[in-house]
Amino acid sequence: MISGRVQGVWFRDSLQRRAQRAGVGGWARNTAAGTVEAVFEGPAGEVEQLVAWCRLGPPDAEVEDVDVVEEQTEGLRGFEIR
């Protein structure tokens, strides 16, 4: 879960492009609370790099916090915006 000024700043689109280049599956969506929820599945190193990028976000974002929770894999392929 990514909080701060993360909606309306191309966060999900930028994240999708980075995830696709890294070969990481998953999804991202805006929440009613104004956060972005994202799920990543793939090689640990690539997932860690995406999480690190989420702490910065695209140029117009102002990330306040990134809350990471590890979960069981689901076999996700591709990265979509929900």
PDB file of N, CA and C in Angstrom:
ATOM      1  N   MET A   1       0.850  -1.166   0.000  1.00  0.00           N
ATOM      2  CA  MET A   1       0.000   0.000   0.000  1.00  0.00           C
ATOM      3  C   MET A   1       0.899   1.232   0.000  1.00  0.00           C
ATOM      4  N   ILE A   2       0.667   2.124  -0.947  1.00  0.00           N
ATOM      5  CA  ILE A   2       1.484   3.319  -1.093  1.00  0.00           C
ATOM      6  C   ILE A   2       0.604   4.529  -0.780  1.00  0.00           C
ATOM      7  N   SER A   3       1.054   5.362   0.160  1.00  0.00           N
ATOM      8  CA  SER A   3       0.251   6.520   0.543  1.00  0.00           C
ATOM      9  C   SER A   3       1.012   7.814   0.299  1.00  0.00           C
ATOM     10  N   GLY A   4       0.254   8.899   0.268  1.00  0.00           N
ATOM     11  CA  GLY A   4       0.790  10.216  -0.024  1.00  0.00           C
ATOM     12  C   GLY A   4       0.045  10.776  -1.219  1.00  0.00           C
ATOM     13  N   ARG A   5       0.710  11.640  -1.965  1.00  0.00           N
ATOM     14  CA  ARG A   5       0.097  12.139  -3.208  1.00  0.00           C
ATOM     15  C   ARG A   5       0.483  11.165  -4.316  1.00  0.00           C
ATOM     16  N   VAL A   6      -0.341  10.131  -4.482  1.00  0.00           N
ATOM     17  CA  VAL A   6      -0.016   9.050  -5.408  1.00  0.00           C
ATOM     18  C   VAL A   6      -1.105   8.793  -6.445  1.00  0.00           C
ATOM     19  N   GLN A   7      -2.198   9.542  -6.358  1.00  0.00           N
ATOM     20  CA  GLN A   7      -3.245   9.428  -7.372  1.00  0.00           C
ATOM     21  C   GLN A   7      -3.236  10.679  -8.241  1.00  0.00           C
ATOM     22  N   GLY A   8      -3.477  10.487  -9.534  1.00  0.00           N
ATOM     23  CA  GLY A   8      -3.488  11.616 -10.461  1.00  0.00           C
ATOM     24  C   GLY A   8      -2.105  12.096 -10.855  1.00  0.00           C
ATOM     25  N   VAL A   9      -1.085  11.279 -10.624  1.00  0.00           N
ATOM     26  CA  VAL A   9       0.298  11.659 -10.950  1.00  0.00           C
ATOM     27  C   VAL A   9       0.991  10.592 -11.808  1.00  0.00           C
ATOM     28  N   TRP A  10       0.190   9.749 -12.469  1.00  0.00           N
ATOM     29  CA  TRP A  10       0.704   8.683 -13.343  1.00  0.00           C
ATOM     30  C   TRP A  10       1.472   7.605 -12.580  1.00  0.00           C
ATOM     31  N   PHE A  11       1.136   7.421 -11.311  1.00  0.00           N
ATOM     32  CA  PHE A  11       1.830   6.420 -10.504  1.00  0.00           C
ATOM     33  C   PHE A  11       1.602   5.013 -11.045  1.00  0.00           C
ATOM     34  N   ARG A  12       0.341   4.622 -11.228  1.00  0.00           N
ATOM     35  CA  ARG A  12       0.044   3.252 -11.670  1.00  0.00           C
ATOM     36  C   ARG A  12       0.596   2.973 -13.059  1.00  0.00           C
ATOM     37  N   ASP A  13       0.477   3.921 -13.969  1.00  0.00           N
ATOM     38  CA  ASP A  13       0.984   3.729 -15.323  1.00  0.00           C
ATOM     39  C   ASP A  13       2.500   3.572 -15.314  1.00  0.00           C
ATOM     40  N   SER A  14       3.175   4.425 -14.568  1.00  0.00           N
ATOM     41  CA  SER A  14       4.641   4.324 -14.469  1.00  0.00           C
ATOM     42  C   SER A  14       5.050   3.006 -13.835  1.00  0.00           C
ATOM     43  N   LEU A  15       4.315   2.591 -12.816  1.00  0.00           N
ATOM     44  CA  LEU A  15       4.602   1.324 -12.142  1.00  0.00           C
ATOM     45  C   LEU A  15       4.394   0.151 -13.084  1.00  0.00           C
ATOM     46  N   GLN A  16       3.329   0.193 -13.869  1.00  0.00           N
ATOM     47  CA  GLN A  16       3.054  -0.889 -14.818  1.00  0.00           C
ATOM     48  C   GLN A  16       4.200  -1.034 -15.823  1.00  0.00           C
ATOM     49  N   ARG A  17       4.659   0.078 -16.372  1.00  0.00           N
ATOM     50  CA  ARG A  17       5.758   0.015 -17.342  1.00  0.00           C
ATOM     51  C   ARG A  17       7.025  -0.565 -16.717  1.00  0.00           C
ATOM     52  N   ARG A  18       7.344  -0.170 -15.489  1.00  0.00           N
ATOM     53  CA  ARG A  18       8.534  -0.688 -14.807  1.00  0.00           C
ATOM     54  C   ARG A  18       8.391  -2.181 -14.519  1.00  0.00           C
ATOM     55  N   ALA A  19       7.221  -2.584 -14.080  1.00  0.00           N
ATOM     56  CA  ALA A  19       6.991  -3.998 -13.770  1.00  0.00           C
ATOM     57  C   ALA A  19       7.103  -4.852 -15.033  1.00  0.00           C
ATOM     58  N   GLN A  20       6.539  -4.374 -16.130  1.00  0.00           N
ATOM     59  CA  GLN A  20       6.615  -5.129 -17.377  1.00  0.00           C
ATOM     60  C   GLN A  20       8.048  -5.274 -17.850  1.00  0.00           C
ATOM     61  N   ARG A  21       8.837  -4.197 -17.759  1.00  0.00           N
ATOM     62  CA  ARG A  21      10.249  -4.278 -18.152  1.00  0.00           C
ATOM     63  C   ARG A  21      11.016  -5.254 -17.274  1.00  0.00           C
ATOM     64  N   ALA A  22      10.637  -5.344 -15.990  1.00  0.00           N
ATOM     65  CA  ALA A  22      11.334  -6.223 -15.048  1.00  0.00           C
ATOM     66  C   ALA A  22      10.822  -7.657 -15.097  1.00  0.00           C
ATOM     67  N   GLY A  23       9.740  -7.897 -15.831  1.00  0.00           N
ATOM     68  CA  GLY A  23       9.179  -9.242 -15.895  1.00  0.00           C
ATOM     69  C   GLY A  23       8.449  -9.640 -14.619  1.00  0.00           C
ATOM     70  N   VAL A  24       7.895  -8.648 -13.921  1.00  0.00           N
ATOM     71  CA  VAL A  24       7.181  -8.898 -12.669  1.00  0.00           C
ATOM     72  C   VAL A  24       5.684  -8.871 -12.935  1.00  0.00           C
ATOM     73  N   GLY A  25       4.976  -9.881 -12.421  1.00  0.00           N
ATOM     74  CA  GLY A  25       3.529  -9.931 -12.548  1.00  0.00           C
ATOM     75  C   GLY A  25       2.863  -9.197 -11.407  1.00  0.00           C
ATOM     76  N   GLY A  26       1.569  -8.933 -11.575  1.00  0.00           N
ATOM     77  CA  GLY A  26       0.802  -8.320 -10.503  1.00  0.00           C
ATOM     78  C   GLY A  26      -0.188  -7.311 -10.999  1.00  0.00           C
ATOM     79  N   TRP A  27      -0.536  -6.388 -10.126  1.00  0.00           N
ATOM     80  CA  TRP A  27      -1.527  -5.366 -10.464  1.00  0.00           C
ATOM     81  C   TRP A  27      -1.389  -4.171  -9.535  1.00  0.00           C
ATOM     82  N   ALA A  28      -2.032  -3.062  -9.924  1.00  0.00           N
ATOM     83  CA  ALA A  28      -2.081  -1.853  -9.096  1.00  0.00           C
ATOM     84  C   ALA A  28      -3.450  -1.216  -9.271  1.00  0.00           C
ATOM     85  N   ARG A  29      -3.961  -0.633  -8.187  1.00  0.00           N
ATOM     86  CA  ARG A  29      -5.253   0.053  -8.262  1.00  0.00           C
ATOM     87  C   ARG A  29      -5.293   1.193  -7.259  1.00  0.00           C
ATOM     88  N   ASN A  30      -6.095   2.205  -7.601  1.00  0.00           N
ATOM     89  CA  ASN A  30      -6.367   3.291  -6.668  1.00  0.00           C
ATOM     90  C   ASN A  30      -7.382   2.794  -5.651  1.00  0.00           C
ATOM     91  N   THR A  31      -7.298   3.292  -4.424  1.00  0.00           N
ATOM     92  CA  THR A  31      -8.292   2.959  -3.404  1.00  0.00           C
ATOM     93  C   THR A  31      -9.107   4.214  -3.079  1.00  0.00           C
ATOM     94  N   ALA A  32     -10.243   4.003  -2.466  1.00  0.00           N
ATOM     95  CA  ALA A  32     -11.099   5.121  -2.068  1.00  0.00           C
ATOM     96  C   ALA A  32     -10.417   6.009  -1.034  1.00  0.00           C
ATOM     97  N   ALA A  33      -9.446   5.463  -0.315  1.00  0.00           N
ATOM     98  CA  ALA A  33      -8.725   6.220   0.720  1.00  0.00           C
ATOM     99  C   ALA A  33      -7.646   7.133   0.137  1.00  0.00           C
ATOM    100  N   GLY A  34      -7.463   7.098  -1.197  1.00  0.00           N
ATOM    101  CA  GLY A  34      -6.457   7.950  -1.822  1.00  0.00           C
ATOM    102  C   GLY A  34      -5.085   7.321  -1.921  1.00  0.00           C
ATOM    103  N   THR A  35      -4.987   6.030  -1.626  1.00  0.00           N
ATOM    104  CA  THR A  35      -3.715   5.317  -1.726  1.00  0.00           C
ATOM    105  C   THR A  35      -3.686   4.506  -3.020  1.00  0.00           C
ATOM    106  N   VAL A  36      -2.539   3.924  -3.292  1.00  0.00           N
ATOM    107  CA  VAL A  36      -2.410   2.961  -4.384  1.00  0.00           C
ATOM    108  C   VAL A  36      -2.064   1.621  -3.751  1.00  0.00           C
ATOM    109  N   GLU A  37      -2.834   0.613  -4.097  1.00  0.00           N
ATOM    110  CA  GLU A  37      -2.557  -0.751  -3.647  1.00  0.00           C
ATOM    111  C   GLU A  37      -1.903  -1.483  -4.809  1.00  0.00           C
ATOM    112  N   ALA A  38      -0.819  -2.175  -4.537  1.00  0.00           N
ATOM    113  CA  ALA A  38      -0.107  -2.886  -5.593  1.00  0.00           C
ATOM    114  C   ALA A  38       0.316  -4.261  -5.099  1.00  0.00           C
ATOM    115  N   VAL A  39       0.305  -5.210  -6.016  1.00  0.00           N
ATOM    116  CA  VAL A  39       0.745  -6.579  -5.738  1.00  0.00           C
ATOM    117  C   VAL A  39       1.809  -6.926  -6.769  1.00  0.00           C
ATOM    118  N   PHE A  40       2.937  -7.443  -6.303  1.00  0.00           N
ATOM    119  CA  PHE A  40       4.032  -7.836  -7.183  1.00  0.00           C
ATOM    120  C   PHE A  40       4.327  -9.319  -6.993  1.00  0.00           C
ATOM    121  N   GLU A  41       4.633  -9.978  -8.089  1.00  0.00           N
ATOM    122  CA  GLU A  41       5.033 -11.373  -8.008  1.00  0.00           C
ATOM    123  C   GLU A  41       6.107 -11.642  -9.060  1.00  0.00           C
ATOM    124  N   GLY A  42       7.248 -12.117  -8.594  1.00  0.00           N
ATOM    125  CA  GLY A  42       8.344 -12.391  -9.509  1.00  0.00           C
ATOM    126  C   GLY A  42       9.621 -12.620  -8.732  1.00  0.00           C
ATOM    127  N   PRO A  43      10.757 -12.581  -9.439  1.00  0.00           N
ATOM    128  CA  PRO A  43      12.046 -12.772  -8.786  1.00  0.00           C
ATOM    129  C   PRO A  43      12.253 -11.729  -7.676  1.00  0.00           C
ATOM    130  N   ALA A  44      12.777 -12.179  -6.548  1.00  0.00           N
ATOM    131  CA  ALA A  44      12.917 -11.320  -5.365  1.00  0.00           C
ATOM    132  C   ALA A  44      13.646 -10.014  -5.658  1.00  0.00           C
ATOM    133  N   GLY A  45      14.720 -10.071  -6.400  1.00  0.00           N
ATOM    134  CA  GLY A  45      15.496  -8.867  -6.691  1.00  0.00           C
ATOM    135  C   GLY A  45      14.697  -7.833  -7.459  1.00  0.00           C
ATOM    136  N   GLU A  46      13.937  -8.271  -8.460  1.00  0.00           N
ATOM    137  CA  GLU A  46      13.119  -7.352  -9.252  1.00  0.00           C
ATOM    138  C   GLU A  46      11.973  -6.777  -8.423  1.00  0.00           C
ATOM    139  N   VAL A  47      11.367  -7.624  -7.584  1.00  0.00           N
ATOM    140  CA  VAL A  47      10.288  -7.150  -6.718  1.00  0.00           C
ATOM    141  C   VAL A  47      10.829  -6.104  -5.746  1.00  0.00           C
ATOM    142  N   GLU A  48      11.992  -6.352  -5.171  1.00  0.00           N
ATOM    143  CA  GLU A  48      12.599  -5.387  -4.244  1.00  0.00           C
ATOM    144  C   GLU A  48      12.881  -4.053  -4.938  1.00  0.00           C
ATOM    145  N   GLN A  49      13.319  -4.108  -6.194  1.00  0.00           N
ATOM    146  CA  GLN A  49      13.577  -2.876  -6.938  1.00  0.00           C
ATOM    147  C   GLN A  49      12.286  -2.097  -7.178  1.00  0.00           C
ATOM    148  N   LEU A  50      11.184  -2.809  -7.466  1.00  0.00           N
ATOM    149  CA  LEU A  50       9.902  -2.125  -7.650  1.00  0.00           C
ATOM    150  C   LEU A  50       9.430  -1.483  -6.351  1.00  0.00           C
ATOM    151  N   VAL A  51       9.592  -2.188  -5.251  1.00  0.00           N
ATOM    152  CA  VAL A  51       9.209  -1.620  -3.953  1.00  0.00           C
ATOM    153  C   VAL A  51      10.050  -0.370  -3.673  1.00  0.00           C
ATOM    154  N   ALA A  52      11.335  -0.429  -3.973  1.00  0.00           N
ATOM    155  CA  ALA A  52      12.207   0.741  -3.777  1.00  0.00           C
ATOM    156  C   ALA A  52      11.742   1.903  -4.643  1.00  0.00           C
ATOM    157  N   TRP A  53      11.354   1.628  -5.887  1.00  0.00           N
ATOM    158  CA  TRP A  53      10.852   2.686  -6.756  1.00  0.00           C
ATOM    159  C   TRP A  53       9.566   3.285  -6.182  1.00  0.00           C
ATOM    160  N   CYS A  54       8.701   2.443  -5.606  1.00  0.00           N
ATOM    161  CA  CYS A  54       7.446   2.926  -5.024  1.00  0.00           C
ATOM    162  C   CYS A  54       7.689   3.929  -3.910  1.00  0.00           C
ATOM    163  N   ARG A  55       8.809   3.841  -3.246  1.00  0.00           N
ATOM    164  CA  ARG A  55       9.123   4.789  -2.164  1.00  0.00           C
ATOM    165  C   ARG A  55       9.410   6.192  -2.724  1.00  0.00           C
ATOM    166  N   LEU A  56       9.692   6.281  -4.016  1.00  0.00           N
ATOM    167  CA  LEU A  56       9.942   7.561  -4.689  1.00  0.00           C
ATOM    168  C   LEU A  56       8.785   7.935  -5.609  1.00  0.00           C
ATOM    169  N   GLY A  57       8.354   6.982  -6.444  1.00  0.00           N
ATOM    170  CA  GLY A  57       7.281   7.220  -7.394  1.00  0.00           C
ATOM    171  C   GLY A  57       7.722   8.082  -8.556  1.00  0.00           C
ATOM    172  N   PRO A  58       6.763   8.424  -9.440  1.00  0.00           N
ATOM    173  CA  PRO A  58       7.075   9.288 -10.574  1.00  0.00           C
ATOM    174  C   PRO A  58       7.320  10.725 -10.099  1.00  0.00           C
ATOM    175  N   PRO A  59       7.797  11.586 -10.982  1.00  0.00           N
ATOM    176  CA  PRO A  59       8.206  12.943 -10.575  1.00  0.00           C
ATOM    177  C   PRO A  59       7.167  13.755  -9.801  1.00  0.00           C
ATOM    178  N   ASP A  60       5.885  13.673 -10.143  1.00  0.00           N
ATOM    179  CA  ASP A  60       4.873  14.501  -9.471  1.00  0.00           C
ATOM    180  C   ASP A  60       4.313  13.877  -8.197  1.00  0.00           C
ATOM    181  N   ALA A  61       4.721  12.668  -7.869  1.00  0.00           N
ATOM    182  CA  ALA A  61       4.223  12.004  -6.654  1.00  0.00           C
ATOM    183  C   ALA A  61       4.955  12.521  -5.420  1.00  0.00           C
ATOM    184  N   GLU A  62       4.276  12.422  -4.298  1.00  0.00           N
ATOM    185  CA  GLU A  62       4.879  12.719  -3.002  1.00  0.00           C
ATOM    186  C   GLU A  62       4.542  11.554  -2.080  1.00  0.00           C
ATOM    187  N   VAL A  63       5.380  10.536  -2.098  1.00  0.00           N
ATOM    188  CA  VAL A  63       5.131   9.323  -1.330  1.00  0.00           C
ATOM    189  C   VAL A  63       5.432   9.577   0.142  1.00  0.00           C
ATOM    190  N   GLU A  64       4.467   9.244   0.980  1.00  0.00           N
ATOM    191  CA  GLU A  64       4.649   9.390   2.429  1.00  0.00           C
ATOM    192  C   GLU A  64       5.024   8.074   3.085  1.00  0.00           C
ATOM    193  N   ASP A  65       4.448   6.966   2.589  1.00  0.00           N
ATOM    194  CA  ASP A  65       4.708   5.674   3.221  1.00  0.00           C
ATOM    195  C   ASP A  65       4.451   4.551   2.235  1.00  0.00           C
ATOM    196  N   VAL A  66       5.200   3.460   2.389  1.00  0.00           N
ATOM    197  CA  VAL A  66       4.969   2.229   1.645  1.00  0.00           C
ATOM    198  C   VAL A  66       4.903   1.112   2.672  1.00  0.00           C
ATOM    199  N   ASP A  67       3.749   0.475   2.745  1.00  0.00           N
ATOM    200  CA  ASP A  67       3.535  -0.629   3.681  1.00  0.00           C
ATOM    201  C   ASP A  67       3.612  -1.932   2.895  1.00  0.00           C
ATOM    202  N   VAL A  68       4.584  -2.783   3.217  1.00  0.00           N
ATOM    203  CA  VAL A  68       4.813  -4.029   2.492  1.00  0.00           C
ATOM    204  C   VAL A  68       4.388  -5.210   3.348  1.00  0.00           C
ATOM    205  N   VAL A  69       3.595  -6.091   2.731  1.00  0.00           N
ATOM    206  CA  VAL A  69       3.144  -7.313   3.380  1.00  0.00           C
ATOM    207  C   VAL A  69       3.461  -8.475   2.442  1.00  0.00           C
ATOM    208  N   GLU A  70       4.203  -9.458   2.920  1.00  0.00           N
ATOM    209  CA  GLU A  70       4.495 -10.627   2.091  1.00  0.00           C
ATOM    210  C   GLU A  70       3.336 -11.601   2.160  1.00  0.00           C
ATOM    211  N   GLU A  71       2.959 -12.146   0.986  1.00  0.00           N
ATOM    212  CA  GLU A  71       1.848 -13.084   0.881  1.00  0.00           C
ATOM    213  C   GLU A  71       2.262 -14.280   0.039  1.00  0.00           C
ATOM    214  N   GLN A  72       1.420 -15.298   0.033  1.00  0.00           N
ATOM    215  CA  GLN A  72       1.649 -16.466  -0.814  1.00  0.00           C
ATOM    216  C   GLN A  72       1.557 -16.060  -2.279  1.00  0.00           C
ATOM    217  N   THR A  73       2.353 -16.689  -3.129  1.00  0.00           N
ATOM    218  CA  THR A  73       2.286 -16.401  -4.559  1.00  0.00           C
ATOM    219  C   THR A  73       0.993 -16.967  -5.138  1.00  0.00           C
ATOM    220  N   GLU A  74       0.529 -16.334  -6.222  1.00  0.00           N
ATOM    221  CA  GLU A  74      -0.704 -16.741  -6.880  1.00  0.00           C
ATOM    222  C   GLU A  74      -0.481 -17.178  -8.322  1.00  0.00           C
ATOM    223  N   GLY A  75       0.747 -17.043  -8.812  1.00  0.00           N
ATOM    224  CA  GLY A  75       1.016 -17.384 -10.207  1.00  0.00           C
ATOM    225  C   GLY A  75       0.607 -16.281 -11.169  1.00  0.00           C
ATOM    226  N   LEU A  76       0.682 -15.027 -10.715  1.00  0.00           N
ATOM    227  CA  LEU A  76       0.291 -13.899 -11.551  1.00  0.00           C
ATOM    228  C   LEU A  76       1.249 -13.728 -12.717  1.00  0.00           C
ATOM    229  N   ARG A  77       0.671 -13.439 -13.873  1.00  0.00           N
ATOM    230  CA  ARG A  77       1.467 -13.184 -15.076  1.00  0.00           C
ATOM    231  C   ARG A  77       1.038 -11.839 -15.645  1.00  0.00           C
ATOM    232  N   GLY A  78       1.991 -11.071 -16.121  1.00  0.00           N
ATOM    233  CA  GLY A  78       1.666  -9.752 -16.646  1.00  0.00           C
ATOM    234  C   GLY A  78       1.350  -8.802 -15.504  1.00  0.00           C
ATOM    235  N   PHE A  79       1.273  -7.535 -15.822  1.00  0.00           N
ATOM    236  CA  PHE A  79       0.977  -6.534 -14.793  1.00  0.00           C
ATOM    237  C   PHE A  79      -0.142  -5.658 -15.324  1.00  0.00           C
ATOM    238  N   GLU A  80      -1.223  -5.578 -14.549  1.00  0.00           N
ATOM    239  CA  GLU A  80      -2.375  -4.823 -15.010  1.00  0.00           C
ATOM    240  C   GLU A  80      -2.752  -3.704 -14.044  1.00  0.00           C
ATOM    241  N   ILE A  81      -3.435  -2.714 -14.584  1.00  0.00           N
ATOM    242  CA  ILE A  81      -3.993  -1.648 -13.761  1.00  0.00           C
ATOM    243  C   ILE A  81      -5.461  -1.975 -13.569  1.00  0.00           C
ATOM    244  N   ARG A  82      -5.878  -1.998 -12.331  1.00  0.00           N
ATOM    245  CA  ARG A  82      -7.279  -2.326 -12.033  1.00  0.00           C
ATOM    246  C   ARG A  82      -8.049  -1.096 -11.674  1.00  0.00           C
TER     247      ARG A  82
END
